[in-house]
Protein backbone atom coordinates (compact mmCIF):
# COMPACT_ATOMS: atom_id res chain seq x y z
CA MET A 1 11.14 30.22 -2.26
CA GLN A 2 9.31 28.27 0.07
CA HIS A 3 6.70 25.56 -0.27
CA LEU A 4 4.73 23.14 1.68
CA VAL A 5 4.85 18.97 0.42
CA PHE A 6 2.36 16.62 1.79
CA VAL A 7 4.22 13.42 2.30
CA TYR A 8 2.16 10.11 2.45
CA GLY A 9 4.51 6.99 1.61
CA THR A 10 8.46 6.73 1.63
CA LEU A 11 9.11 10.11 2.01
CA ARG A 12 7.79 10.18 5.68
CA LYS A 13 9.78 9.76 8.93
CA GLY A 14 11.34 6.23 9.18
CA GLU A 15 10.78 4.91 5.89
CA SER A 16 13.22 4.38 2.91
CA ASN A 17 13.13 7.69 1.06
CA HIS A 18 12.85 9.95 4.12
CA HIS A 19 16.48 11.53 3.59
CA HIS A 20 15.50 12.96 0.36
CA LEU A 21 14.20 15.49 2.51
CA SER A 22 17.01 17.87 3.04
CA GLU A 23 18.45 19.53 6.28
CA GLN A 24 15.84 22.52 5.95
CA ALA A 25 13.07 20.53 5.80
CA GLN A 26 10.93 21.44 8.39
CA PHE A 27 8.34 18.89 9.69
CA LEU A 28 5.15 20.88 10.41
CA GLY A 29 3.06 18.24 11.31
CA HIS A 30 0.43 15.23 10.44
CA HIS A 31 -2.34 15.57 8.38
CA GLU A 32 -5.44 13.75 7.27
CA THR A 33 -6.52 14.72 3.91
CA LEU A 34 -10.40 15.04 2.76
CA PRO A 35 -12.13 12.07 2.17
CA GLU A 36 -10.92 12.88 -1.75
CA PHE A 37 -8.12 10.19 -2.47
CA ALA A 38 -7.65 6.58 -2.99
CA LEU A 39 -4.25 4.93 -1.67
CA TYR A 40 -2.72 1.92 -3.39
CA ASP A 41 0.20 -0.28 -2.03
CA LEU A 42 2.52 -0.71 -5.20
CA GLY A 43 4.85 -2.89 -2.92
CA ALA A 44 8.28 -0.77 -2.71
CA TYR A 45 5.93 2.47 -2.55
CA PRO A 46 2.69 3.78 -2.68
CA ALA A 47 0.24 5.57 -5.40
CA VAL A 48 -2.16 8.52 -4.73
CA ILE A 49 -5.29 9.18 -6.93
CA SER A 50 -8.69 10.66 -7.01
CA GLY A 51 -10.71 8.99 -4.96
CA HIS A 52 -13.50 9.02 -1.87
CA HIS A 53 -10.72 7.97 1.12
CA SER A 54 -8.73 10.29 3.35
CA ILE A 55 -4.92 10.09 3.19
CA SER A 56 -2.67 10.02 6.28
CA GLY A 57 0.79 11.73 6.11
CA GLU A 58 3.12 14.38 6.93
CA VAL A 59 3.26 17.79 5.95
CA TYR A 60 7.15 19.85 5.73
CA LEU A 61 8.56 23.28 4.41
CA ILE A 62 10.83 23.02 1.87
CA ASP A 63 12.76 25.11 -0.30
CA SER A 64 12.65 25.17 -4.40
CA HIS A 65 15.52 22.95 -4.96
CA ASN A 66 14.41 20.29 -2.46
CA LEU A 67 11.23 20.09 -4.31
CA GLN A 68 13.08 20.02 -7.85
CA VAL A 69 14.98 16.74 -6.11
CA LEU A 70 11.31 15.54 -4.92
CA ASP A 71 10.20 15.97 -8.79
CA LYS A 72 13.47 13.74 -9.72
CA LEU A 73 12.35 11.30 -6.97
CA GLU A 74 8.53 11.16 -8.00
CA ASP A 75 9.59 11.03 -11.64
CA VAL A 76 7.44 14.00 -12.31
CA PRO A 77 5.57 14.57 -15.09
CA VAL A 78 5.92 11.01 -15.82
CA GLU A 79 4.66 8.96 -13.11
CA TYR A 80 3.52 11.25 -10.90
CA ARG A 81 2.33 14.74 -10.97
CA ARG A 82 2.10 17.49 -8.53
CA GLU A 83 -1.29 19.24 -7.68
CA GLN A 84 -1.56 21.28 -4.50
CA ILE A 85 -4.61 20.29 -1.40
CA GLU A 86 -5.66 22.27 1.39
CA THR A 87 -3.86 21.62 4.82
CA PRO A 88 -3.96 23.47 8.32
CA PHE A 89 -0.60 24.55 7.49
CA GLY A 90 -1.87 26.37 4.05
CA LEU A 91 -1.70 24.92 0.38
CA ALA A 92 0.63 22.24 0.20
CA TRP A 93 1.61 19.96 -2.68
CA ILE A 94 0.95 16.15 -3.00
CA TYR A 95 2.30 13.77 -5.71
CA LEU A 96 -0.46 11.90 -7.85
CA TYR A 97 0.05 8.53 -9.63
CA GLN A 98 -1.01 8.69 -13.35
CA ASP A 99 -1.04 5.35 -14.22
CA THR A 100 -4.02 4.04 -12.63
CA SER A 101 -3.78 0.46 -14.84
CA GLN A 102 -0.74 -0.69 -12.27
CA LEU A 103 -3.32 -0.16 -9.19
CA GLU A 104 -4.78 -3.22 -7.88
CA THR A 105 -3.93 -3.01 -3.80
CA LEU A 106 -6.07 -0.65 -2.22
CA ILE A 107 -5.17 0.48 1.61
CA SER A 108 -8.42 2.00 2.81
CA SER A 109 -7.12 2.78 6.31
CA GLY A 110 -5.37 5.75 3.78
CA ASP A 111 -1.95 4.97 5.86
CA TRP A 112 0.66 3.42 4.17
CA CYS A 113 2.77 3.42 6.98
CA GLN A 114 0.36 1.41 8.55
CA LYS A 115 -0.94 -0.58 5.95
CA ILE A 116 -0.30 -4.37 7.78
């Protein structure tokens, strides 16, 4: 089965966990979400929760095995949970952070790769 996934942090091209997307993962394009989220910097990786900002990221087409790999990386359902969002490419999974007590540094630009 094929799935769409929206990635906004270390899974993006050029970032530390991009290699976890399988070689069969197909990059579909960039996407900016509706202003329904908030992006936080946790140092080594970002966290997204519900809020009032748009988030920048990339959409990939992946298979079920690769989705399981990403779920393990994101520690679903403990650290993150998956929800679907609308993208120009169709419904895509997004990983949302669960422990809001850890969130201090908001990235108001909505782009973790351009946080500086």
